Amino acid sequence: MNHWLIAPVVVPAFVAPLIVLSMRHDLVLQRVVSVAATAAQLAIALALMGLAADGEIHVYRLGNWAAPFGIVLMLDRLAALMLVLAAGLALIVQLYALGSGWDRKGWHFHALWQFQLMGLNGAFLTGDAFNLFVFFEVLLIASYGLMIHGGGEMRLRAGVQYVVYNLAGSTLFLAALGTIYAVTGTLNMADLAVKVAQMPPGDTALLRVGAVLLMLVFAVKTALVPLHFWLPATYARAPGPVAALFAIMTKVGVYAIIRFFTLVFPSDSVMERLAADILLPAALATLVIGQIGVLGSRHLGRVAAFAALASVGTLMIGVAQFRQPGLVAAIWYMIHSTLAAGALFLVVDLIGARRAGGSLWLRPLPPIAQGGIVAALFFAAAIGVAGLPPLSGFPGKLAILQATRQADWALAIWAVILLSSLIAIYGLSRAGSTVFWKAHELGPDPAPQAAPHESQRPLPAKVEPDEDVQDLADSASPALALTATGALVAGMVALAVFGGPVMDYARETARQLVDPAPYVDAVLLRQEGTR
C-alpha cells in the first residue's frame, strides 16, 4: 500500500486541532502553519495525480483489513483530479483571506479551514458509502462555522437556514444508506457494485428506493432545483473567501452522483436510467433559474450566487448523460466552473471592500479605489461565468453541446444553454456597468466616513485579542488579495491554453469511470497480505 493516499486526510486532521490547542492566540503562527499545510496538501495531491495518471486504481486499507469489512480509501483519476482542484482553490482563496483580512475576524478561521479540507479530501478518497456520509458531516460542520465567521444578523440567519437544510439532507442520507444496507448487506462501493449486478431485476424495488433517496441527498448537496433554496442566501451572505471555497462544495455532490451512478448503478441499469430521467430536467431547470436569478438580482452577492447555481445546472446536463462524451464534457466544466465561481465571489468581495459602506446593492455609488484593476477582474470573471471566448467556459459549453447532439432532449438542451447564456451576459453586463461605469457619473466619494466593509472592521468588542492580534488590525494586504483573485482568472486562461492535455485527461478519466471492473478488482480481488 502507498501510505501517501491517506496523507490528504491526515495532514488537515492533525493541523486543525494543533491550531486550536496551541496557536489560538497567535494569528501569525496560525497563518504560517495553515498556509503551509494547505500548500503541502496541494503538493501531495499533485503527486497522487501523477500516481493515478497511468490508469491504475490504488487502494489504501486502514489497519490492513480486507474489504469489504475494513475501511478503504481509493485513488483513481477522478479522485486525484478533485484533490488537486480542492487544494489549489483552497490555497489561493486562503491567501486572499490573509490579504483581505477576513481571517482575523474570528479565532478559529484557519482551524475550520483545515477541517473543511479534511472533509473534502476524505469525501473524494473514500471507497465506502458510510464513510462518505462521515466526511460529508465533517465538511458540513466546518462549513457551518466558516459560514457565520465574522458574525452579523443576516449571516447568522443564512447560516441557520443552511444548517437546517443540510441536517435534513443528512437525515435523508442515513435513511438511504440504511435502505441500501438492508437490501445488500454492505456499504463498500465495490462490493455494492458486485451485489447490485447480481440481483434479479424483479427484486430491486427496495434498492431503487434507496437509489432515489441517495440521488435526492446528492441533489441537496449539489443544489439542484427544486432543492436549491439554501444556496443563494447562503453564498450571498457568506464571507467572500468562504463563498469562494464553497464553489467546490457543490462539486462534492456532483462527484458522488458520478461515482455512485457509474460504479454501483452502472450503465443500462434501471437505477441509472431512472437517475438520468430525473436529473436532466432538474439540471435544465437549475440552469434557467440560475440565469434568471443573475438577471433579476439587485445585490451583487446574489448575482454571484445565482451564477454559481447556473453553473451547477450546466455541469449536471453533461453528468446526466451517464455516457463517456457527457462525462468528458462534465469533467472539463467542473474544473472551469470551480475556478470561475471562486473568482467571481472574490471579485465581489473586492468590490464590497472598496464601495461606500461596503454596499453590494446594484445602485450607482462613487468610484472605488483601484477601480480599473477590479473592473478588469470582474470582466474576466464574468466572461468565464457566462462561457464566452477566449476563456475556458466557451470550450466547456461547446463540449456539453456536442455531447448532447444525439440525446432525446437535444433541442431543449441546446435552446436552454444558448438562450440562458444570453440572459447571463445581459445580467452580468448590467451589474458591471452599474458598479463601474455609472459610478463615474457621481464623481469622487463624498462620504469618507462611511462604514467600512466587514473584512476591514476591527474584531468585535467582546473579543479581547492579545498584542500580536491587535497589531494585525491594519495588516490587510490589498496587493495579495488582488493577486489571489487574478490567480483564479489565470487558471481559466491556463485551462483554455492547455485545453488539449486537459481534455485528454478528462477523456481518459471518463473512460475509466464507464468501466467499473478494474475498480472492483483492485478493491475486492487484489488483497494479498490483508488480515
Protein backbone atom coordinates (compact mmCIF):
# COMPACT_ATOMS: atom_id res chain seq x y z
CA MET A 1 0.00 0.00 0.00
CA ASN A 2 1.10 3.53 -0.72
CA HIS A 3 0.74 5.42 2.55
CA TRP A 4 0.60 8.80 0.76
CA LEU A 5 -3.02 8.01 -0.11
CA ILE A 6 -4.13 8.82 3.43
CA ALA A 7 -2.00 11.96 3.73
CA PRO A 8 -4.66 14.38 2.33
CA VAL A 9 -6.90 13.34 5.24
CA VAL A 10 -4.25 13.03 7.95
CA VAL A 11 -2.48 16.37 7.33
CA PRO A 12 -5.53 18.66 7.91
CA ALA A 13 -6.82 16.32 10.65
CA PHE A 14 -3.55 16.87 12.53
CA VAL A 15 -3.07 20.57 11.79
CA ALA A 16 -6.62 21.72 12.66
CA PRO A 17 -6.62 20.63 16.35
CA LEU A 18 -2.98 21.74 16.64
CA ILE A 19 -4.05 25.26 15.67
CA VAL A 20 -6.96 25.22 18.14
CA LEU A 21 -4.93 23.88 21.07
CA SER A 22 -1.56 25.57 20.60
CA MET A 23 -1.98 28.66 18.41
CA ARG A 24 -5.37 30.17 19.19
CA HIS A 25 -3.80 33.42 20.46
CA ASP A 26 -1.11 33.71 17.78
CA LEU A 27 -2.65 34.68 14.45
CA VAL A 28 0.71 34.96 12.70
CA LEU A 29 1.63 31.38 13.59
CA GLN A 30 -1.85 30.21 12.59
CA ARG A 31 -1.40 31.79 9.19
CA VAL A 32 2.03 30.28 8.61
CA VAL A 33 1.09 26.76 9.71
CA SER A 34 -2.28 26.70 7.96
CA VAL A 35 -1.00 28.03 4.63
CA ALA A 36 1.94 25.61 4.79
CA ALA A 37 -0.48 22.73 5.46
CA THR A 38 -2.69 23.72 2.52
CA ALA A 39 0.34 24.04 0.25
CA ALA A 40 1.51 20.60 1.41
CA GLN A 41 -1.90 19.16 0.55
CA LEU A 42 -1.64 20.65 -2.94
CA ALA A 43 1.83 19.12 -3.40
CA ILE A 44 0.58 15.73 -2.18
CA ALA A 45 -2.47 15.95 -4.45
CA LEU A 46 -0.27 16.68 -7.47
CA ALA A 47 1.92 13.71 -6.59
CA LEU A 48 -1.15 11.49 -6.29
CA MET A 49 -2.41 12.74 -9.64
CA GLY A 50 0.88 11.65 -11.15
CA LEU A 51 0.47 8.29 -9.44
CA ALA A 52 -3.02 7.82 -10.86
CA ALA A 53 -2.14 9.06 -14.35
CA ASP A 54 -1.27 5.57 -15.62
CA GLY A 55 -4.86 4.46 -15.06
CA GLU A 56 -4.16 2.07 -12.18
CA ILE A 57 -6.60 2.04 -9.25
CA HIS A 58 -4.76 2.47 -5.94
CA VAL A 59 -6.35 1.23 -2.71
CA TYR A 60 -5.41 2.00 0.90
CA ARG A 61 -6.80 -0.38 3.52
CA LEU A 62 -6.85 1.11 7.01
CA GLY A 63 -5.40 -1.35 9.51
CA ASN A 64 -4.70 -3.65 6.53
CA TRP A 65 -8.18 -5.13 6.98
CA ALA A 66 -9.62 -6.82 3.91
CA ALA A 67 -12.51 -5.21 2.05
CA PRO A 68 -15.48 -5.09 2.32
CA PHE A 69 -15.12 -5.40 6.11
CA GLY A 70 -12.33 -2.86 6.55
CA ILE A 71 -12.33 0.82 5.66
CA VAL A 72 -10.76 1.56 2.28
CA LEU A 73 -9.58 4.70 0.55
CA MET A 74 -9.45 4.66 -3.22
CA LEU A 75 -7.48 6.73 -5.72
CA ASP A 76 -8.33 6.87 -9.40
CA ARG A 77 -8.01 9.63 -11.97
CA LEU A 78 -11.23 11.41 -10.94
CA ALA A 79 -10.41 11.34 -7.21
CA ALA A 80 -6.90 12.67 -7.91
CA LEU A 81 -8.30 15.48 -10.06
CA MET A 82 -10.75 16.51 -7.34
CA LEU A 83 -7.98 16.53 -4.72
CA VAL A 84 -5.88 18.87 -6.87
CA LEU A 85 -8.84 21.11 -7.65
CA ALA A 86 -9.86 21.40 -3.97
CA ALA A 87 -6.32 22.03 -2.68
CA GLY A 88 -5.48 24.51 -5.44
CA LEU A 89 -8.65 26.52 -4.88
CA ALA A 90 -8.20 26.38 -1.10
CA LEU A 91 -4.63 27.67 -1.23
CA ILE A 92 -5.46 30.61 -3.49
CA VAL A 93 -8.57 31.57 -1.54
CA GLN A 94 -6.73 31.22 1.78
CA LEU A 95 -4.10 33.68 0.55
CA TYR A 96 -6.96 36.00 -0.36
CA ALA A 97 -8.33 35.67 3.18
CA LEU A 98 -4.94 36.76 4.51
CA GLY A 99 -4.69 39.67 2.09
CA SER A 100 -8.23 40.90 2.69
CA GLY A 101 -8.05 40.46 6.47
CA TRP A 102 -11.02 38.12 6.67
CA ASP A 103 -9.12 35.54 8.71
CA ARG A 104 -8.69 37.93 11.64
CA LYS A 105 -12.44 38.30 12.13
CA GLY A 106 -12.51 35.26 14.43
CA TRP A 107 -10.15 32.97 16.28
CA HIS A 108 -10.85 29.69 14.53
CA PHE A 109 -10.84 30.54 10.84
CA HIS A 110 -7.73 28.52 9.97
CA ALA A 111 -8.69 25.52 12.12
CA LEU A 112 -12.12 25.38 10.46
CA TRP A 113 -10.44 25.77 7.08
CA GLN A 114 -8.33 22.66 7.69
CA PHE A 115 -11.30 20.65 8.97
CA GLN A 116 -13.15 21.67 5.82
CA LEU A 117 -10.30 20.37 3.67
CA MET A 118 -10.20 17.15 5.68
CA GLY A 119 -13.87 16.54 4.88
CA LEU A 120 -13.44 17.40 1.21
CA ASN A 121 -10.38 15.20 0.73
CA GLY A 122 -11.97 12.30 2.60
CA ALA A 123 -15.13 12.50 0.51
CA PHE A 124 -13.11 12.30 -2.69
CA LEU A 125 -10.95 9.39 -1.49
CA THR A 126 -13.35 7.13 0.40
CA GLY A 127 -14.44 3.84 -1.09
CA ASP A 128 -17.21 3.28 1.44
CA ALA A 129 -20.68 4.84 1.34
CA PHE A 130 -20.98 5.23 5.11
CA ASN A 131 -17.61 6.96 5.34
CA LEU A 132 -18.77 9.26 2.56
CA PHE A 133 -21.55 10.28 4.96
CA VAL A 134 -18.97 10.76 7.75
CA PHE A 135 -16.78 13.01 5.63
CA PHE A 136 -19.84 14.90 4.43
CA GLU A 137 -20.64 15.68 8.04
CA VAL A 138 -17.06 16.76 8.80
CA LEU A 139 -17.00 19.24 5.94
CA LEU A 140 -20.53 20.45 6.72
CA ILE A 141 -19.76 21.06 10.41
CA ALA A 142 -16.69 23.07 9.43
CA SER A 143 -18.68 24.96 6.82
CA TYR A 144 -21.26 25.95 9.46
CA GLY A 145 -18.52 27.73 11.42
CA LEU A 146 -16.99 29.31 8.32
CA MET A 147 -20.41 30.45 7.13
CA ILE A 148 -21.03 32.62 10.21
CA HIS A 149 -17.38 33.73 10.53
CA GLY A 150 -17.36 37.45 11.33
CA GLY A 151 -20.91 37.46 12.73
CA GLY A 152 -23.78 39.66 11.65
CA GLU A 153 -27.55 39.19 11.82
CA MET A 154 -28.08 38.40 8.13
CA ARG A 155 -25.15 35.97 8.03
CA LEU A 156 -26.39 34.19 11.15
CA ARG A 157 -29.87 33.91 9.67
CA ALA A 158 -28.49 32.45 6.42
CA GLY A 159 -26.29 30.13 8.48
CA VAL A 160 -29.26 28.77 10.42
CA GLN A 161 -31.11 28.12 7.17
CA TYR A 162 -28.01 26.37 5.80
CA VAL A 163 -27.70 24.20 8.93
CA VAL A 164 -31.37 23.17 8.99
CA TYR A 165 -31.49 22.31 5.31
CA ASN A 166 -28.30 20.26 5.38
CA LEU A 167 -29.31 18.46 8.59
CA ALA A 168 -32.44 17.35 6.77
CA GLY A 169 -30.24 16.17 3.92
CA SER A 170 -28.02 14.25 6.35
CA THR A 171 -31.06 12.52 7.86
CA LEU A 172 -32.18 11.51 4.38
CA PHE A 173 -28.63 10.27 3.68
CA LEU A 174 -28.79 7.91 6.67
CA ALA A 175 -32.19 6.64 5.56
CA ALA A 176 -30.82 5.95 2.08
CA LEU A 177 -27.80 4.09 3.44
CA GLY A 178 -29.99 2.05 5.77
CA THR A 179 -32.26 1.06 2.90
CA ILE A 180 -29.37 0.02 0.68
CA TYR A 181 -27.70 -1.92 3.52
CA ALA A 182 -30.95 -3.73 4.25
CA VAL A 183 -31.04 -4.96 0.66
CA THR A 184 -27.36 -5.71 0.01
CA GLY A 185 -25.76 -6.19 3.44
CA THR A 186 -22.81 -3.95 2.56
CA LEU A 187 -21.85 -0.30 2.06
CA ASN A 188 -18.47 -0.79 0.42
CA MET A 189 -18.90 0.72 -3.04
CA ALA A 190 -17.06 -2.04 -4.91
CA ASP A 191 -18.95 -4.73 -3.03
CA LEU A 192 -22.19 -2.87 -3.70
CA ALA A 193 -21.38 -2.87 -7.42
CA VAL A 194 -20.97 -6.67 -7.38
CA LYS A 195 -24.09 -7.40 -5.35
CA VAL A 196 -26.30 -4.96 -7.25
CA ALA A 197 -25.22 -6.53 -10.55
CA GLN A 198 -26.13 -9.99 -9.23
CA MET A 199 -29.62 -9.05 -8.06
CA PRO A 200 -32.56 -10.28 -10.19
CA PRO A 201 -34.40 -7.32 -11.78
CA GLY A 202 -37.60 -8.32 -10.02
CA ASP A 203 -36.01 -7.96 -6.58
CA THR A 204 -34.69 -4.43 -6.95
CA ALA A 205 -37.74 -2.41 -5.87
CA LEU A 206 -36.36 -1.53 -2.43
CA LEU A 207 -32.93 -0.95 -3.93
CA ARG A 208 -34.45 1.57 -6.34
CA VAL A 209 -35.96 3.37 -3.35
CA GLY A 210 -32.51 3.62 -1.78
CA ALA A 211 -31.03 4.83 -5.07
CA VAL A 212 -33.65 7.57 -5.41
CA LEU A 213 -33.09 8.65 -1.80
CA LEU A 214 -29.34 8.85 -2.46
CA MET A 215 -29.94 10.90 -5.57
CA LEU A 216 -32.13 13.31 -3.58
CA VAL A 217 -29.38 13.66 -0.96
CA PHE A 218 -26.77 14.46 -3.58
CA ALA A 219 -29.21 16.82 -5.29
CA VAL A 220 -29.49 18.73 -2.00
CA LYS A 221 -25.69 18.94 -1.73
CA THR A 222 -25.44 19.97 -5.38
CA ALA A 223 -28.31 22.50 -5.07
CA LEU A 224 -30.39 21.16 -7.96
CA VAL A 225 -33.85 22.60 -8.45
CA PRO A 226 -36.18 22.25 -6.55
CA LEU A 227 -33.72 21.58 -3.69
CA HIS A 228 -31.67 24.71 -4.31
CA PHE A 229 -33.29 27.21 -1.93
CA TRP A 230 -30.41 27.23 0.55
CA LEU A 231 -27.71 28.23 -1.94
CA PRO A 232 -28.48 31.86 -2.98
CA ALA A 233 -28.87 33.25 0.54
CA THR A 234 -26.01 31.17 1.95
CA TYR A 235 -23.44 32.06 -0.69
CA ALA A 236 -24.52 35.70 -0.90
CA ARG A 237 -24.16 36.22 2.87
CA ALA A 238 -21.04 34.12 3.47
CA PRO A 239 -17.67 35.87 3.86
CA GLY A 240 -16.05 36.36 0.46
CA PRO A 241 -13.29 33.73 0.76
CA VAL A 242 -15.70 31.25 2.34
CA ALA A 243 -18.15 31.64 -0.55
CA ALA A 244 -15.25 31.12 -2.97
CA LEU A 245 -14.24 27.89 -1.20
CA PHE A 246 -17.89 26.80 -1.27
CA ALA A 247 -17.52 26.73 -5.07
CA ILE A 248 -16.03 23.26 -4.57
CA MET A 249 -18.73 22.22 -2.07
CA THR A 250 -21.44 21.69 -4.67
CA LYS A 251 -18.93 19.64 -6.67
CA VAL A 252 -18.83 17.08 -3.84
CA GLY A 253 -22.46 16.25 -4.60
CA VAL A 254 -21.69 16.08 -8.32
CA TYR A 255 -18.73 13.80 -7.62
CA ALA A 256 -20.91 11.50 -5.50
CA ILE A 257 -23.54 11.26 -8.25
CA ILE A 258 -20.88 10.37 -10.82
CA ARG A 259 -19.27 7.82 -8.51
CA PHE A 260 -22.47 6.03 -7.49
CA PHE A 261 -24.24 6.03 -10.83
CA THR A 262 -21.25 4.81 -12.83
CA LEU A 263 -19.91 2.28 -10.30
CA VAL A 264 -22.73 0.99 -8.11
CA PHE A 265 -25.56 1.52 -10.60
CA PRO A 266 -23.71 1.09 -13.93
CA SER A 267 -24.77 1.81 -17.49
CA ASP A 268 -28.05 0.44 -18.79
CA SER A 269 -29.26 -0.42 -15.28
CA VAL A 270 -32.76 0.52 -14.21
CA MET A 271 -31.38 2.83 -11.50
CA GLU A 272 -29.14 4.74 -13.88
CA ARG A 273 -31.94 5.29 -16.39
CA LEU A 274 -34.16 6.46 -13.56
CA ALA A 275 -31.44 8.87 -12.40
CA ALA A 276 -30.96 10.24 -15.91
CA ASP A 277 -34.71 10.77 -16.36
CA ILE A 278 -34.86 12.82 -13.16
CA LEU A 279 -31.52 14.64 -13.29
CA LEU A 280 -31.74 16.07 -16.79
CA PRO A 281 -34.98 18.06 -16.30
CA ALA A 282 -33.69 19.20 -12.89
CA ALA A 283 -30.42 20.33 -14.46
CA LEU A 284 -32.21 22.32 -17.17
CA ALA A 285 -34.47 23.96 -14.59
CA THR A 286 -31.45 24.77 -12.40
CA LEU A 287 -29.71 26.44 -15.32
CA VAL A 288 -32.76 28.52 -16.22
CA ILE A 289 -33.49 29.63 -12.66
CA GLY A 290 -29.84 30.41 -12.02
CA GLN A 291 -29.52 32.66 -15.07
CA ILE A 292 -32.84 34.38 -14.39
CA GLY A 293 -31.55 35.00 -10.88
CA VAL A 294 -28.42 36.62 -12.32
CA LEU A 295 -30.62 38.91 -14.38
CA GLY A 296 -33.12 39.73 -11.66
CA SER A 297 -30.88 40.14 -8.60
CA ARG A 298 -30.25 43.62 -7.26
CA HIS A 299 -27.46 42.52 -4.92
CA LEU A 300 -24.02 41.66 -6.28
CA GLY A 301 -23.59 38.78 -3.84
CA ARG A 302 -26.79 37.18 -5.06
CA VAL A 303 -25.70 37.69 -8.67
CA ALA A 304 -22.59 35.64 -7.93
CA ALA A 305 -24.62 33.03 -6.02
CA PHE A 306 -27.12 32.57 -8.85
CA ALA A 307 -24.25 32.39 -11.34
CA ALA A 308 -22.81 29.52 -9.28
CA LEU A 309 -26.24 27.86 -9.30
CA ALA A 310 -26.45 28.18 -13.09
CA SER A 311 -23.01 26.60 -13.46
CA VAL A 312 -24.28 23.60 -11.47
CA GLY A 313 -27.13 23.22 -13.95
CA THR A 314 -24.79 23.33 -16.94
CA LEU A 315 -22.46 20.80 -15.32
CA MET A 316 -25.27 18.40 -14.47
CA ILE A 317 -26.54 18.41 -18.07
CA GLY A 318 -23.30 16.67 -19.00
CA VAL A 319 -23.36 14.35 -15.99
CA ALA A 320 -26.97 13.31 -16.64
CA GLN A 321 -25.94 11.68 -19.93
CA PHE A 322 -24.01 8.99 -17.95
CA ARG A 323 -22.02 8.19 -21.09
CA GLN A 324 -18.40 8.87 -21.92
CA PRO A 325 -18.83 12.04 -24.08
CA GLY A 326 -21.08 13.66 -21.47
CA LEU A 327 -18.72 12.75 -18.63
CA VAL A 328 -15.74 14.15 -20.56
CA ALA A 329 -17.52 17.48 -21.00
CA ALA A 330 -18.71 17.45 -17.37
CA ILE A 331 -15.21 16.85 -16.00
CA TRP A 332 -13.84 19.76 -18.04
CA TYR A 333 -16.70 22.02 -17.00
CA MET A 334 -16.29 21.00 -13.36
CA ILE A 335 -12.75 22.40 -13.37
CA HIS A 336 -13.78 25.57 -15.15
CA SER A 337 -16.91 26.29 -13.10
CA THR A 338 -14.98 25.90 -9.82
CA LEU A 339 -12.38 28.44 -10.93
CA ALA A 340 -14.95 30.82 -12.42
CA ALA A 341 -17.32 30.80 -9.43
CA GLY A 342 -14.42 31.21 -7.00
CA ALA A 343 -13.04 34.15 -8.97
CA LEU A 344 -16.43 35.88 -9.15
CA PHE A 345 -17.00 35.59 -5.38
CA LEU A 346 -13.56 37.05 -4.68
CA VAL A 347 -14.16 39.93 -7.09
CA VAL A 348 -17.49 40.66 -5.42
CA ASP A 349 -15.72 40.79 -2.06
CA LEU A 350 -13.09 43.15 -3.51
CA ILE A 351 -15.87 45.43 -4.70
CA GLY A 352 -17.61 45.37 -1.31
CA ALA A 353 -14.36 46.22 0.46
CA ARG A 354 -13.97 49.35 -1.68
CA ARG A 355 -17.52 50.68 -2.10
CA ALA A 356 -19.00 53.22 0.25
CA GLY A 357 -20.37 51.47 3.32
CA GLY A 358 -19.34 48.10 1.91
CA SER A 359 -22.57 48.10 -0.11
CA LEU A 360 -23.11 45.36 -2.69
CA TRP A 361 -26.50 46.65 -3.80
CA LEU A 362 -26.62 47.37 -7.52
CA ARG A 363 -27.04 51.11 -7.44
CA PRO A 364 -24.62 53.81 -8.61
CA LEU A 365 -22.09 54.82 -5.95
CA PRO A 366 -18.89 56.86 -6.22
CA PRO A 367 -15.87 55.26 -7.94
CA ILE A 368 -13.91 52.72 -5.90
CA ALA A 369 -10.19 52.54 -5.17
CA GLN A 370 -8.18 50.51 -7.71
CA GLY A 371 -11.31 50.56 -9.83
CA GLY A 372 -9.52 49.74 -13.09
CA ILE A 373 -7.90 46.55 -11.76
CA VAL A 374 -11.05 45.38 -10.01
CA ALA A 375 -13.15 46.13 -13.11
CA ALA A 376 -10.76 44.09 -15.26
CA LEU A 377 -11.00 41.17 -12.83
CA PHE A 378 -14.81 41.41 -12.78
CA PHE A 379 -14.88 41.50 -16.58
CA ALA A 380 -12.69 38.37 -16.82
CA ALA A 381 -14.70 36.51 -14.15
CA ALA A 382 -17.97 37.46 -15.88
CA ILE A 383 -16.65 36.18 -19.22
CA GLY A 384 -15.72 32.92 -17.55
CA VAL A 385 -19.07 32.52 -15.82
CA ALA A 386 -21.04 33.36 -18.98
CA GLY A 387 -18.98 30.91 -21.04
CA LEU A 388 -17.65 33.37 -23.61
CA PRO A 389 -14.38 33.04 -25.54
CA PRO A 390 -11.45 33.20 -25.07
CA LEU A 391 -11.65 31.73 -21.54
CA SER A 392 -12.27 28.09 -20.65
CA GLY A 393 -16.03 28.33 -20.25
CA PHE A 394 -16.52 28.52 -24.01
CA PRO A 395 -14.93 25.15 -24.91
CA GLY A 396 -16.64 23.67 -21.85
CA LYS A 397 -20.11 24.65 -23.05
CA LEU A 398 -19.20 23.61 -26.58
CA ALA A 399 -18.21 20.16 -25.31
CA ILE A 400 -21.53 19.79 -23.48
CA LEU A 401 -23.46 20.84 -26.59
CA GLN A 402 -21.52 18.36 -28.69
CA ALA A 403 -22.01 15.56 -26.15
CA THR A 404 -25.79 16.02 -26.23
CA ARG A 405 -26.27 16.12 -30.01
CA GLN A 406 -27.80 12.65 -30.09
CA ALA A 407 -29.75 12.94 -26.84
CA ASP A 408 -33.54 12.68 -26.82
CA TRP A 409 -33.74 16.16 -25.33
CA ALA A 410 -31.10 17.63 -27.65
CA LEU A 411 -33.25 20.50 -28.95
CA ALA A 412 -34.35 21.55 -25.45
CA ILE A 413 -30.79 21.26 -24.10
CA TRP A 414 -29.30 23.40 -26.86
CA ALA A 415 -32.07 26.00 -26.62
CA VAL A 416 -31.76 26.30 -22.83
CA ILE A 417 -27.95 26.55 -22.84
CA LEU A 418 -27.79 29.13 -25.64
CA LEU A 419 -30.70 31.31 -24.51
CA SER A 420 -29.67 31.22 -20.85
CA SER A 421 -26.14 32.26 -21.86
CA LEU A 422 -27.61 35.40 -23.44
CA ILE A 423 -29.53 36.10 -20.23
CA ALA A 424 -26.32 35.71 -18.20
CA ILE A 425 -24.40 38.05 -20.49
CA TYR A 426 -27.06 40.73 -20.11
CA GLY A 427 -27.35 40.29 -16.33
CA LEU A 428 -23.59 40.41 -15.71
CA SER A 429 -23.19 43.35 -18.09
CA ARG A 430 -25.88 45.27 -16.21
CA ALA A 431 -24.18 44.55 -12.89
CA GLY A 432 -20.76 45.59 -14.17
CA SER A 433 -21.97 48.80 -15.77
CA THR A 434 -23.84 49.79 -12.60
CA VAL A 435 -20.84 49.23 -10.37
CA PHE A 436 -18.10 50.65 -12.59
CA TRP A 437 -19.41 52.84 -15.41
CA LYS A 438 -22.27 54.64 -13.68
CA ALA A 439 -20.02 55.31 -10.69
CA HIS A 440 -18.04 57.87 -12.68
CA GLU A 441 -21.18 59.93 -13.21
CA LEU A 442 -21.23 60.65 -9.45
CA GLY A 443 -17.66 61.88 -9.10
CA PRO A 444 -15.42 61.29 -6.06
CA ASP A 445 -16.71 59.61 -2.91
CA PRO A 446 -18.50 62.31 -0.86
CA ALA A 447 -18.71 60.10 2.23
CA PRO A 448 -15.21 59.49 3.59
CA GLN A 449 -16.68 58.46 6.96
CA ALA A 450 -18.78 55.66 5.51
CA ALA A 451 -18.78 52.37 7.39
CA PRO A 452 -16.00 50.01 6.28
CA HIS A 453 -16.54 46.66 4.66
CA GLU A 454 -16.86 43.72 7.05
CA SER A 455 -13.37 42.42 6.32
CA GLN A 456 -11.90 45.81 7.30
CA ARG A 457 -13.70 46.19 10.62
CA PRO A 458 -11.83 45.51 13.86
CA LEU A 459 -12.54 42.46 15.98
CA PRO A 460 -15.81 42.56 17.96
CA ALA A 461 -15.64 44.27 21.33
CA LYS A 462 -16.42 41.06 23.19
CA VAL A 463 -13.18 39.52 21.92
CA GLU A 464 -10.06 40.59 23.76
CA PRO A 465 -7.13 39.99 21.40
CA ASP A 466 -3.57 39.99 22.63
CA GLU A 467 -0.99 42.47 21.35
CA ASP A 468 0.05 40.36 18.37
CA VAL A 469 -3.51 40.20 17.04
CA GLN A 470 -4.11 43.85 17.80
CA ASP A 471 -1.01 44.79 15.80
CA LEU A 472 -2.54 42.98 12.82
CA ALA A 473 -5.68 45.11 12.88
CA ASP A 474 -4.42 47.09 9.89
CA SER A 475 -2.31 44.39 8.28
CA ALA A 476 -4.54 43.61 5.29
CA SER A 477 -2.64 43.49 2.02
CA PRO A 478 -4.73 44.63 -0.99
CA ALA A 479 -1.95 43.51 -3.33
CA LEU A 480 -2.15 39.93 -2.05
CA ALA A 481 -5.94 39.92 -2.34
CA LEU A 482 -5.78 41.20 -5.92
CA THR A 483 -3.06 38.70 -6.82
CA ALA A 484 -5.04 35.77 -5.42
CA THR A 485 -8.12 36.79 -7.39
CA GLY A 486 -6.00 37.18 -10.51
CA ALA A 487 -4.61 33.69 -9.95
CA LEU A 488 -8.09 32.16 -10.36
CA VAL A 489 -8.61 34.15 -13.56
CA ALA A 490 -5.17 32.98 -14.72
CA GLY A 491 -6.34 29.43 -14.01
CA MET A 492 -9.17 29.86 -16.52
CA VAL A 493 -6.70 31.21 -19.06
CA ALA A 494 -4.36 28.27 -18.47
CA LEU A 495 -7.24 25.81 -18.79
CA ALA A 496 -8.07 27.29 -22.21
CA VAL A 497 -4.42 27.41 -23.37
CA PHE A 498 -3.69 23.84 -22.27
CA GLY A 499 -7.09 22.60 -23.34
CA GLY A 500 -5.71 19.68 -25.33
CA PRO A 501 -3.88 17.91 -22.47
CA VAL A 502 -6.71 18.66 -20.02
CA MET A 503 -9.30 17.27 -22.43
CA ASP A 504 -7.15 14.17 -22.91
CA TYR A 505 -7.04 13.70 -19.13
CA ALA A 506 -10.81 14.17 -18.92
CA ARG A 507 -11.31 11.64 -21.73
CA GLU A 508 -9.16 9.01 -20.02
CA THR A 509 -10.92 9.72 -16.71
CA ALA A 510 -14.34 9.23 -18.28
CA ARG A 511 -13.15 6.01 -19.94
CA GLN A 512 -12.05 4.74 -16.52
CA LEU A 513 -15.40 5.67 -14.98
CA VAL A 514 -17.54 3.81 -17.50
CA ASP A 515 -15.55 0.60 -16.93
CA PRO A 516 -16.02 -0.28 -13.23
CA ALA A 517 -14.39 -3.73 -13.47
CA PRO A 518 -10.82 -2.57 -12.65
CA TYR A 519 -12.14 -0.67 -9.62
CA VAL A 520 -13.89 -3.76 -8.30
CA ASP A 521 -10.82 -5.93 -8.95
CA ALA A 522 -8.49 -3.50 -7.17
CA VAL A 523 -10.69 -3.29 -4.06
CA LEU A 524 -12.01 -6.85 -3.71
CA LEU A 525 -9.65 -9.20 -5.53
CA ARG A 526 -6.10 -7.87 -5.13
CA GLN A 527 -5.96 -8.19 -1.33
CA GLU A 528 -2.76 -10.16 -0.78
CA GLY A 529 -1.36 -9.81 2.72
CA THR A 530 -4.53 -8.41 4.30
CA ARG A 531 -5.96 -9.64 7.60
